[in-house]
Amino acid sequence: MPVSIRRRLALLVLASIGVVWSAALGLSYMQATREVAEWDDARLVQLAQLLVRLDQNDLVLLARTHLDARDEYPHDGRVADDDDGDESPRDALFQVRDASGHVIAGSAALVPLGAWEPASGADGVTGAHNLRFDGQLWHTYTLHESTSGRTVRVLESANTRSDLTSDVARRIARPLAVALPVLALLVWVSIGHSLSPLQALSRVIRTRDASKLAPIELGPTPLEVRPLVEAINQLLARLRLSISRERAFTSDAAHELKTPLAAIKVQAQVALVAEDIVQQRLAMQRVVQGVDRSARLAEQLLLLARLDEHDRIPAGPVAPAVLAGDAIATHEQDARRKDIRIALAADAQVEVIAASALLDVLLDNLIDNAIKYADEGGRVEVEVRREGRAVVLAVRDDGPGVAAKDLARLTDRFFRAADAPASGSGLGLSIVARIAEHFGAQLHFGTGIEGRGLAVEIRFSRAISTPDEVASTVEI
């Protein structure tokens, strides 16, 4: 079942308020109880101080009447719902003794309680006490006046104390209880208002056309929502780049494949109409060459597409020197056709973390390019060396090189310099750049052999072994 953030936040906030409210009410009740107890004790002290100064006749008269100890009285002779006054009289009992301990006057109600005689150890002790008579708890205060020698004891039943404590608690709890539903409504509305940017974002995304990948603009957004909008905009930017790359890839691939396919068609038509066997054979050889070129181009396009999709190709320890030797052997016939010497200078012990299949493709493209653009009877050098903790793979030629203005575009797909002396698809160095990026290596272009031609260097961040410095040199 989907969980509502709004409902969840509202419940958490209200639960937190309820806990705090309950704790505050409990503490307020305890504090009110303490204050009322102190007030009632102070009232007993005041009664004792008053009684000790009355003459005997007044004391006797007062003992025959009731000493009403109510804290408050009803308003207008009646008790309203919101009154905290005591409804019924509450008698405070007293007893006054002279200096010799004889009772001058006292409330008659003390006799059946057994409280007429002073409690053991209570004579002459001034202060407040809690005493139990006939199973009932009483609050008492005893005052001894040294001038007259009188001792006054005032008593009040513990269960007849003022209802001020409960009234205070009730007055605190009542507005809070009434305010709780209002507070819940305000919390619900406030949370809904705070979450409105998310709802606006949902509406924008829901109503947006699939082809519209422009950044989402919501105007001022809360700090909590801004990272989400930025993350969505970054995703849209990656989608735009991916779609743009896919469209460019499709367009360029169609354009590049059109040329060899057209050439194959022409050669096939020539073979069909040719009556000379030699001419037919030559046309069919060119068809085969065109098919090979198209197949290679298709393989390179597929490899680029796979790399663009960031497929993780399994990697492991690879010796670049070994793969370089194999790649040189593969292109031996092409090199001899142009009378090109290929030299390999490599540390055979150095290994890097890479996929041998991709490193094969990288070396194949670099050596193929070097042979294509090297001069007739020229040279190509392949080097694997260590520089500190890095491993550098370099391929150089002594051809015409690349103009400075074209160096920055060498890794663009299907890019070919206007004065390029050899044919090609313009994908070789693009594939090299993507493979280098795939393995976190750095690609650099420079000047080739003896200040001529082009040098391509791939720098892997570190070697995975620390071999003896063993170098091998091969020349074909």
Protein backbone atom coordinates (compact mmCIF):
# COMPACT_ATOMS: atom_id res chain seq x y z
CA MET A 1 0.00 0.00 0.00
CA PRO A 2 1.49 3.41 -0.96
CA VAL A 3 2.62 5.50 2.00
CA SER A 4 1.54 9.14 2.01
CA ILE A 5 4.33 11.49 3.06
CA ARG A 6 1.73 14.03 4.06
CA ARG A 7 -0.15 11.58 6.31
CA ARG A 8 3.07 10.24 7.72
CA LEU A 9 4.42 13.70 8.58
CA ALA A 10 1.09 14.77 10.07
CA LEU A 11 0.96 11.69 12.32
CA LEU A 12 4.57 12.16 13.42
CA VAL A 13 4.05 15.86 14.18
CA LEU A 14 0.78 15.27 16.06
CA ALA A 15 2.27 12.35 17.98
CA SER A 16 5.23 14.51 18.97
CA ILE A 17 2.91 17.33 20.03
CA GLY A 18 0.80 14.85 22.02
CA VAL A 19 3.83 13.52 23.88
CA VAL A 20 5.09 17.01 24.67
CA TRP A 21 1.59 18.15 25.65
CA SER A 22 1.10 15.19 28.01
CA ALA A 23 4.49 15.77 29.62
CA ALA A 24 3.77 19.50 30.00
CA LEU A 25 0.35 18.76 31.52
CA GLY A 26 1.85 16.28 33.97
CA LEU A 27 4.56 18.69 35.02
CA SER A 28 2.04 21.52 35.33
CA TYR A 29 -0.21 19.35 37.48
CA MET A 30 2.68 18.42 39.77
CA GLN A 31 3.74 22.04 40.04
CA ALA A 32 0.16 23.17 40.72
CA THR A 33 -0.20 20.48 43.41
CA ARG A 34 2.96 21.69 45.09
CA GLU A 35 1.91 25.34 44.94
CA VAL A 36 -1.58 24.63 46.29
CA ALA A 37 -0.12 22.57 49.14
CA GLU A 38 2.16 25.46 50.04
CA TRP A 39 -0.79 27.84 49.83
CA ASP A 40 -2.91 25.68 52.14
CA ASP A 41 -0.04 25.38 54.61
CA ALA A 42 0.36 29.16 54.55
CA ARG A 43 -3.36 29.53 55.21
CA LEU A 44 -3.10 27.25 58.27
CA VAL A 45 -0.22 29.40 59.53
CA GLN A 46 -2.33 32.53 59.13
CA LEU A 47 -5.24 30.94 61.03
CA ALA A 48 -2.91 29.90 63.85
CA GLN A 49 -1.43 33.40 64.11
CA LEU A 50 -4.95 34.85 64.26
CA LEU A 51 -6.22 32.38 66.87
CA VAL A 52 -3.28 32.86 69.21
CA ARG A 53 -4.21 36.54 69.62
CA LEU A 54 -7.94 36.13 70.36
CA ASP A 55 -9.17 36.30 73.97
CA GLN A 56 -10.78 33.31 75.62
CA ASN A 57 -14.39 34.42 75.06
CA ASP A 58 -13.85 34.89 71.34
CA LEU A 59 -12.14 31.52 71.16
CA VAL A 60 -15.00 29.77 72.93
CA LEU A 61 -17.52 31.48 70.64
CA LEU A 62 -15.51 30.56 67.58
CA ALA A 63 -15.26 26.93 68.71
CA ARG A 64 -19.07 26.69 68.83
CA THR A 65 -19.35 27.89 65.22
CA HIS A 66 -17.77 26.53 62.07
CA LEU A 67 -14.48 27.91 60.82
CA ASP A 68 -15.04 27.81 57.01
CA ALA A 69 -11.70 27.22 55.33
CA ARG A 70 -12.80 27.35 51.72
CA ASP A 71 -10.24 29.00 49.42
CA GLU A 72 -12.82 30.48 47.10
CA TYR A 73 -16.54 31.10 47.03
CA PRO A 74 -19.01 30.71 44.17
CA HIS A 75 -19.74 33.78 42.07
CA ASP A 76 -23.21 35.27 42.57
CA GLY A 77 -24.06 32.48 45.04
CA ARG A 78 -23.84 29.70 42.44
CA VAL A 79 -21.16 27.55 40.95
CA ALA A 80 -20.66 27.85 37.22
CA ASP A 81 -19.10 25.20 35.03
CA ASP A 82 -15.91 27.16 34.72
CA ASP A 83 -15.70 28.11 38.45
CA ASP A 84 -12.96 26.57 40.49
CA GLY A 85 -14.58 27.58 43.80
CA ASP A 86 -15.44 25.04 46.49
CA GLU A 87 -19.14 24.23 46.52
CA SER A 88 -19.50 22.97 50.10
CA PRO A 89 -18.16 24.39 53.41
CA ARG A 90 -14.91 22.96 54.67
CA ASP A 91 -14.25 23.27 58.38
CA ALA A 92 -10.86 23.95 59.80
CA LEU A 93 -10.56 22.54 63.37
CA PHE A 94 -8.44 24.16 66.06
CA GLN A 95 -7.36 23.82 69.66
CA VAL A 96 -5.81 26.46 71.95
CA ARG A 97 -3.97 25.62 75.20
CA ASP A 98 -2.56 27.94 77.82
CA ALA A 99 0.93 27.90 79.22
CA SER A 100 0.05 25.13 81.72
CA GLY A 101 -1.32 22.91 78.93
CA HIS A 102 -5.00 23.30 79.77
CA VAL A 103 -7.38 23.63 76.83
CA ILE A 104 -8.76 27.14 76.58
CA ALA A 105 -11.00 26.42 73.59
CA GLY A 106 -11.21 23.93 70.78
CA SER A 107 -13.43 22.46 68.11
CA ALA A 108 -15.76 19.78 69.51
CA ALA A 109 -15.14 17.62 66.42
CA LEU A 110 -11.66 16.88 67.70
CA VAL A 111 -12.97 14.78 70.63
CA PRO A 112 -14.39 11.79 68.65
CA LEU A 113 -11.30 11.83 66.48
CA GLY A 114 -9.06 11.28 69.44
CA ALA A 115 -7.23 14.43 68.52
CA TRP A 116 -8.17 16.38 71.63
CA GLU A 117 -5.08 15.22 73.43
CA PRO A 118 -1.85 16.22 71.79
CA ALA A 119 -0.03 13.56 69.86
CA SER A 120 3.05 12.09 71.41
CA GLY A 121 5.99 14.42 70.98
CA ALA A 122 3.88 17.12 69.35
CA ASP A 123 3.61 19.48 72.37
CA GLY A 124 5.63 22.59 72.03
CA VAL A 125 6.73 21.70 68.52
CA THR A 126 6.08 24.50 66.12
CA GLY A 127 5.56 23.68 62.46
CA ALA A 128 3.50 21.75 59.98
CA HIS A 129 2.87 18.02 60.36
CA ASN A 130 0.82 15.26 58.84
CA LEU A 131 -0.96 13.26 61.49
CA ARG A 132 -3.34 10.32 61.30
CA PHE A 133 -6.40 10.19 63.55
CA ASP A 134 -8.83 7.29 63.42
CA GLY A 135 -7.33 6.15 60.10
CA GLN A 136 -7.68 9.55 58.48
CA LEU A 137 -4.81 11.80 57.43
CA TRP A 138 -4.83 15.40 58.67
CA HIS A 139 -2.65 18.36 57.88
CA THR A 140 -1.81 20.25 61.07
CA TYR A 141 0.12 23.30 62.07
CA THR A 142 1.22 23.99 65.66
CA LEU A 143 2.23 27.46 66.87
CA HIS A 144 3.68 28.26 70.33
CA GLU A 145 3.72 31.88 71.44
CA SER A 146 6.39 32.56 74.05
CA THR A 147 4.81 35.82 75.35
CA SER A 148 1.45 34.37 76.43
CA GLY A 149 2.63 30.80 76.60
CA ARG A 150 -0.28 29.72 74.41
CA THR A 151 -0.08 26.82 71.97
CA VAL A 152 -2.41 26.74 68.96
CA ARG A 153 -2.98 23.73 66.72
CA VAL A 154 -4.96 24.06 63.48
CA LEU A 155 -6.07 20.92 61.60
CA GLU A 156 -7.52 20.31 58.19
CA SER A 157 -8.55 17.00 56.63
CA ALA A 158 -6.29 15.95 53.76
CA ASN A 159 -9.24 14.96 51.54
CA THR A 160 -10.98 18.31 51.92
CA ARG A 161 -8.23 20.47 50.58
CA SER A 162 -9.03 22.90 47.84
CA ASP A 163 -9.89 21.54 44.39
CA LEU A 164 -7.63 24.24 43.02
CA THR A 165 -5.11 21.64 41.81
CA SER A 166 -7.57 19.76 39.64
CA ASP A 167 -9.04 23.03 38.43
CA VAL A 168 -5.63 24.27 37.34
CA ALA A 169 -4.98 21.03 35.48
CA ARG A 170 -8.42 21.16 33.92
CA ARG A 171 -7.99 24.77 32.84
CA ILE A 172 -4.64 23.87 31.22
CA ALA A 173 -5.93 20.72 29.52
CA ARG A 174 -9.25 22.10 28.26
CA PRO A 175 -7.93 24.69 25.77
CA LEU A 176 -5.27 22.26 24.60
CA ALA A 177 -7.85 19.54 24.02
CA VAL A 178 -10.03 21.98 22.10
CA ALA A 179 -7.02 23.27 20.13
CA LEU A 180 -5.74 19.80 19.19
CA PRO A 181 -8.20 19.25 16.27
CA VAL A 182 -7.54 22.79 15.04
CA LEU A 183 -3.82 22.15 15.34
CA ALA A 184 -4.18 18.86 13.43
CA LEU A 185 -6.02 20.69 10.63
CA LEU A 186 -3.36 23.41 10.49
CA VAL A 187 -0.58 20.82 10.43
CA TRP A 188 -2.33 18.93 7.62
CA VAL A 189 -2.82 22.10 5.56
CA SER A 190 0.73 23.35 6.26
CA ILE A 191 2.34 20.07 5.25
CA GLY A 192 0.21 19.95 2.11
CA HIS A 193 1.30 23.50 1.26
CA SER A 194 4.96 22.61 1.92
CA LEU A 195 4.69 19.59 -0.40
CA SER A 196 3.03 21.58 -3.17
CA PRO A 197 6.33 22.02 -5.08
CA LEU A 198 6.51 18.21 -5.38
CA GLN A 199 2.97 18.14 -6.74
CA ALA A 200 3.86 20.91 -9.19
CA LEU A 201 6.94 18.94 -10.26
CA SER A 202 4.79 15.83 -10.75
CA ARG A 203 2.33 17.75 -12.90
CA VAL A 204 5.12 19.21 -15.05
CA ILE A 205 6.69 15.77 -15.61
CA ARG A 206 3.30 14.07 -16.20
CA THR A 207 2.14 16.60 -18.78
CA ARG A 208 5.49 16.98 -20.55
CA ASP A 209 5.82 15.56 -24.06
CA ALA A 210 8.30 12.70 -24.39
CA SER A 211 10.22 14.58 -27.08
CA LYS A 212 10.68 17.66 -24.89
CA LEU A 213 13.90 17.21 -22.91
CA ALA A 214 14.52 20.83 -21.96
CA PRO A 215 15.38 21.50 -18.28
CA ILE A 216 12.45 21.77 -15.89
CA GLU A 217 11.82 25.30 -14.64
CA LEU A 218 9.63 25.66 -11.53
CA GLY A 219 10.70 29.11 -10.41
CA PRO A 220 11.71 29.50 -6.74
CA THR A 221 11.78 26.05 -5.13
CA PRO A 222 12.50 24.96 -1.53
CA LEU A 223 16.02 23.77 -0.71
CA GLU A 224 14.75 20.21 -0.20
CA VAL A 225 13.14 20.06 -3.66
CA ARG A 226 15.97 21.74 -5.54
CA PRO A 227 18.32 18.68 -5.52
CA LEU A 228 15.51 16.57 -7.00
CA VAL A 229 14.87 19.10 -9.78
CA GLU A 230 18.61 19.35 -10.47
CA ALA A 231 18.93 15.54 -10.58
CA ILE A 232 16.01 15.29 -13.04
CA ASN A 233 17.52 18.06 -15.18
CA GLN A 234 20.87 16.24 -15.21
CA LEU A 235 19.08 13.08 -16.28
CA LEU A 236 17.31 15.01 -19.05
CA ALA A 237 20.65 16.45 -20.16
CA ARG A 238 22.15 12.96 -20.36
CA LEU A 239 19.11 11.79 -22.31
CA ARG A 240 19.45 14.72 -24.71
CA LEU A 241 23.12 13.90 -25.21
CA SER A 242 22.38 10.20 -25.68
CA ILE A 243 19.59 10.86 -28.20
CA SER A 244 21.70 13.45 -30.03
CA ARG A 245 24.62 11.02 -30.15
CA GLU A 246 22.33 8.25 -31.36
CA ARG A 247 20.87 10.43 -34.11
CA ALA A 248 24.31 11.60 -35.20
CA PHE A 249 25.58 8.05 -35.08
CA THR A 250 22.68 6.80 -37.21
CA SER A 251 23.05 9.61 -39.70
CA ASP A 252 26.83 9.28 -40.00
CA ALA A 253 26.67 5.48 -40.16
CA ALA A 254 24.12 5.63 -42.96
CA HIS A 255 26.26 8.16 -44.81
CA GLU A 256 29.47 6.16 -44.42
CA LEU A 257 27.88 2.84 -45.34
CA LYS A 258 26.30 4.36 -48.43
CA THR A 259 29.66 4.89 -50.17
CA PRO A 260 31.05 1.30 -49.95
CA LEU A 261 27.64 -0.15 -50.73
CA ALA A 262 27.39 2.03 -53.82
CA ALA A 263 30.88 0.94 -54.85
CA ILE A 264 29.99 -2.72 -54.34
CA LYS A 265 26.89 -2.27 -56.48
CA VAL A 266 28.88 -0.65 -59.28
CA GLN A 267 31.51 -3.41 -59.24
CA ALA A 268 28.82 -6.08 -59.21
CA GLN A 269 27.16 -4.45 -62.23
CA VAL A 270 30.53 -4.34 -63.99
CA ALA A 271 31.05 -8.05 -63.28
CA LEU A 272 27.60 -8.85 -64.68
CA VAL A 273 28.09 -7.08 -67.99
CA ALA A 274 31.81 -7.79 -68.44
CA GLU A 275 32.66 -10.48 -71.00
CA ASP A 276 36.37 -10.57 -70.21
CA ILE A 277 37.16 -13.09 -67.46
CA VAL A 278 40.03 -10.95 -66.15
CA GLN A 279 37.77 -7.91 -65.92
CA GLN A 280 35.10 -9.98 -64.15
CA ARG A 281 37.66 -11.32 -61.67
CA LEU A 282 38.98 -7.81 -60.99
CA ALA A 283 35.45 -6.52 -60.43
CA MET A 284 34.65 -9.38 -58.06
CA GLN A 285 37.88 -8.77 -56.12
CA ARG A 286 36.79 -5.17 -55.67
CA VAL A 287 33.38 -6.39 -54.52
CA VAL A 288 35.10 -8.55 -51.93
CA GLN A 289 37.25 -5.60 -50.84
CA GLY A 290 34.16 -3.42 -50.56
CA VAL A 291 32.39 -6.07 -48.49
CA ASP A 292 35.44 -6.35 -46.23
CA ARG A 293 35.52 -2.58 -45.83
CA SER A 294 31.81 -2.48 -45.05
CA ALA A 295 32.14 -5.34 -42.56
CA ARG A 296 35.05 -3.58 -40.81
CA LEU A 297 33.10 -0.34 -40.74
CA ALA A 298 30.06 -2.14 -39.27
CA GLU A 299 32.24 -3.78 -36.61
CA GLN A 300 33.73 -0.43 -35.65
CA LEU A 301 30.29 1.17 -35.49
CA LEU A 302 28.99 -1.62 -33.28
CA LEU A 303 32.01 -1.31 -30.99
CA LEU A 304 31.48 2.43 -30.69
CA ALA A 305 27.79 1.88 -29.90
CA ARG A 306 28.72 -0.62 -27.19
CA LEU A 307 31.25 1.74 -25.67
CA ASP A 308 28.76 4.63 -25.83
CA GLU A 309 26.30 2.55 -23.81
CA HIS A 310 29.00 2.14 -21.12
CA ASP A 311 28.90 -1.63 -21.22
CA ARG A 312 31.37 -2.99 -18.73
CA ILE A 313 33.73 -5.25 -20.67
CA PRO A 314 35.62 -7.72 -18.44
CA ALA A 315 39.17 -6.52 -17.75
CA GLY A 316 42.24 -8.18 -16.34
CA PRO A 317 46.04 -8.09 -16.44
CA VAL A 318 47.22 -7.55 -20.02
CA ALA A 319 50.76 -7.26 -21.41
CA PRO A 320 50.67 -4.47 -24.05
CA ALA A 321 54.02 -5.63 -25.52
CA VAL A 322 52.57 -9.04 -26.42
CA LEU A 323 49.45 -7.57 -27.99
CA ALA A 324 51.55 -5.01 -29.88
CA GLY A 325 53.67 -7.79 -31.36
CA ASP A 326 50.55 -9.67 -32.48
CA ALA A 327 49.07 -6.50 -34.05
CA ILE A 328 52.31 -5.82 -35.94
CA ALA A 329 52.29 -9.37 -37.29
CA THR A 330 48.70 -8.92 -38.46
CA HIS A 331 49.64 -5.82 -40.50
CA GLU A 332 52.92 -7.23 -41.81
CA GLN A 333 51.61 -7.64 -45.38
CA ASP A 334 50.24 -4.09 -45.48
CA ALA A 335 53.58 -2.74 -44.26
CA ARG A 336 55.59 -4.70 -46.83
CA ARG A 337 53.29 -3.55 -49.60
CA LYS A 338 54.46 0.03 -48.87
CA ASP A 339 57.99 -1.06 -47.92
CA ILE A 340 57.45 0.28 -44.39
CA ARG A 341 59.63 -0.87 -41.48
CA ILE A 342 57.82 -1.34 -38.15
CA ALA A 343 59.96 -1.29 -35.01
CA LEU A 344 58.72 -2.48 -31.60
CA ALA A 345 60.49 -1.32 -28.44
CA ALA A 346 58.62 -2.66 -25.44
CA ASP A 347 59.04 -3.77 -21.84
CA ALA A 348 57.70 -7.28 -22.10
CA GLN A 349 57.04 -7.55 -18.34
CA VAL A 350 54.76 -4.53 -17.94
CA GLU A 351 51.04 -5.26 -17.46
CA VAL A 352 48.01 -3.03 -17.19
CA ILE A 353 44.39 -3.67 -16.25
CA ALA A 354 42.42 -3.73 -19.50
CA ALA A 355 40.38 -5.99 -21.77
CA SER A 356 42.66 -7.70 -24.26
CA ALA A 357 39.96 -7.59 -26.96
CA LEU A 358 39.66 -3.79 -26.69
CA LEU A 359 43.41 -3.29 -26.45
CA ASP A 360 43.72 -5.41 -29.64
CA VAL A 361 41.26 -3.09 -31.38
CA LEU A 362 43.12 -0.02 -30.10
CA LEU A 363 46.50 -1.26 -31.35
CA ASP A 364 45.01 -2.46 -34.63
CA ASN A 365 43.57 1.00 -35.35
CA LEU A 366 46.75 2.84 -34.36
CA ILE A 367 49.06 0.62 -36.42
CA ASP A 368 46.65 0.58 -39.36
CA ASN A 369 46.49 4.40 -39.32
CA ALA A 370 50.28 4.70 -39.02
CA ILE A 371 50.83 2.39 -42.03
CA LYS A 372 48.19 4.22 -44.09
CA TYR A 373 49.68 7.65 -43.51
CA ALA A 374 53.38 6.77 -43.45
CA ASP A 375 55.39 7.54 -46.57
CA GLU A 376 56.40 4.81 -49.01
CA GLY A 377 59.56 3.21 -47.64
CA GLY A 378 58.97 5.01 -44.31
CA ARG A 379 59.00 3.89 -40.70
CA VAL A 380 56.51 3.14 -37.93
CA GLU A 381 57.54 2.80 -34.30
CA VAL A 382 55.54 1.07 -31.57
CA GLU A 383 56.73 1.59 -27.99
CA VAL A 384 55.65 0.32 -24.57
CA ARG A 385 57.53 2.01 -21.75
CA ARG A 386 57.22 2.77 -18.07
CA GLU A 387 57.21 6.33 -16.75
CA GLY A 388 57.22 6.17 -12.98
CA ARG A 389 54.08 4.25 -12.06
CA ALA A 390 52.47 4.92 -15.45
CA VAL A 391 52.64 2.82 -18.61
CA VAL A 392 52.83 4.59 -21.98
CA LEU A 393 51.83 2.96 -25.26
CA ALA A 394 53.00 5.02 -28.25
CA VAL A 395 52.68 4.60 -32.04
CA ARG A 396 54.58 6.99 -34.35
CA ASP A 397 54.95 7.36 -38.12
CA ASP A 398 56.98 9.59 -40.46
CA GLY A 399 54.16 10.59 -42.79
CA PRO A 400 52.95 14.10 -43.64
CA GLY A 401 51.37 14.50 -40.21
CA VAL A 402 48.24 16.46 -39.27
CA ALA A 403 47.75 20.20 -39.45
CA ALA A 404 47.60 21.93 -36.07
CA LYS A 405 44.05 23.13 -36.75
CA ASP A 406 42.88 19.53 -37.24
CA LEU A 407 44.51 17.98 -34.14
CA ALA A 408 41.57 18.85 -31.89
CA ARG A 409 39.14 17.06 -34.23
CA LEU A 410 41.08 13.83 -34.74
CA THR A 411 38.81 11.94 -32.33
CA ASP A 412 35.57 13.23 -33.89
CA ARG A 413 33.62 10.49 -35.58
CA PHE A 414 33.91 10.33 -39.36
CA PHE A 415 36.30 13.28 -39.36
CA ARG A 416 38.91 13.22 -42.09
CA ALA A 417 41.31 16.03 -42.92
CA ALA A 418 40.75 17.59 -46.31
CA ASP A 419 44.27 16.72 -47.45
CA ALA A 420 44.29 13.14 -46.09
CA PRO A 421 46.38 11.02 -48.49
CA ALA A 422 44.69 7.69 -47.65
CA SER A 423 41.11 6.50 -47.63
CA GLY A 424 39.28 5.55 -44.47
CA SER A 425 36.08 5.89 -42.47
CA GLY A 426 37.32 8.43 -39.93
CA LEU A 427 36.39 6.17 -37.05
CA GLY A 428 39.78 4.74 -36.07
CA LEU A 429 40.95 7.44 -33.65
CA SER A 430 37.39 7.90 -32.34
CA ILE A 431 37.44 4.25 -31.29
CA VAL A 432 40.94 4.66 -29.80
CA ALA A 433 39.73 7.67 -27.75
CA ARG A 434 36.66 5.82 -26.46
CA ILE A 435 38.69 2.73 -25.49
CA ALA A 436 41.23 4.89 -23.68
CA GLU A 437 38.43 6.67 -21.84
CA HIS A 438 36.82 3.32 -21.01
CA PHE A 439 39.94 2.24 -19.11
CA GLY A 440 40.69 5.65 -17.58
CA ALA A 441 43.76 6.22 -19.78
CA GLN A 442 44.87 9.55 -21.26
CA LEU A 443 45.22 10.15 -25.00
CA HIS A 444 47.84 12.58 -26.36
CA PHE A 445 48.83 13.61 -29.90
CA GLY A 446 52.28 14.84 -30.85
CA THR A 447 54.89 14.94 -33.56
CA GLY A 448 56.09 11.63 -35.03
CA ILE A 449 59.51 10.31 -36.04
CA GLU A 450 62.25 12.90 -36.50
CA GLY A 451 59.81 15.78 -36.33
CA ARG A 452 57.56 14.39 -39.05
CA GLY A 453 54.26 12.50 -39.02
CA LEU A 454 52.00 11.87 -36.03
CA ALA A 455 52.61 10.32 -32.63
CA VAL A 456 49.72 8.91 -30.59
CA GLU A 457 50.35 8.13 -26.92
CA ILE A 458 48.05 6.25 -24.54
CA ARG A 459 49.02 6.73 -20.89
CA PHE A 460 47.67 4.19 -18.42
CA SER A 461 47.70 5.55 -14.87
CA ARG A 462 49.76 2.75 -13.34
CA ALA A 463 51.31 -0.64 -13.98
CA ILE A 464 50.08 -3.61 -11.94
CA SER A 465 53.50 -5.22 -11.57
CA THR A 466 57.04 -4.17 -10.77
CA PRO A 467 59.09 -6.27 -13.16
CA ASP A 468 62.75 -6.15 -13.94
CA GLU A 469 63.49 -3.72 -16.70
CA VAL A 470 63.38 -6.18 -19.62
CA ALA A 471 63.02 -4.60 -23.04
CA SER A 472 62.50 -6.29 -26.35
CA THR A 473 63.15 -4.76 -29.76
CA VAL A 474 61.67 -6.20 -32.94
CA GLU A 475 61.85 -4.83 -36.47
CA ILE A 476 60.18 -6.11 -39.61
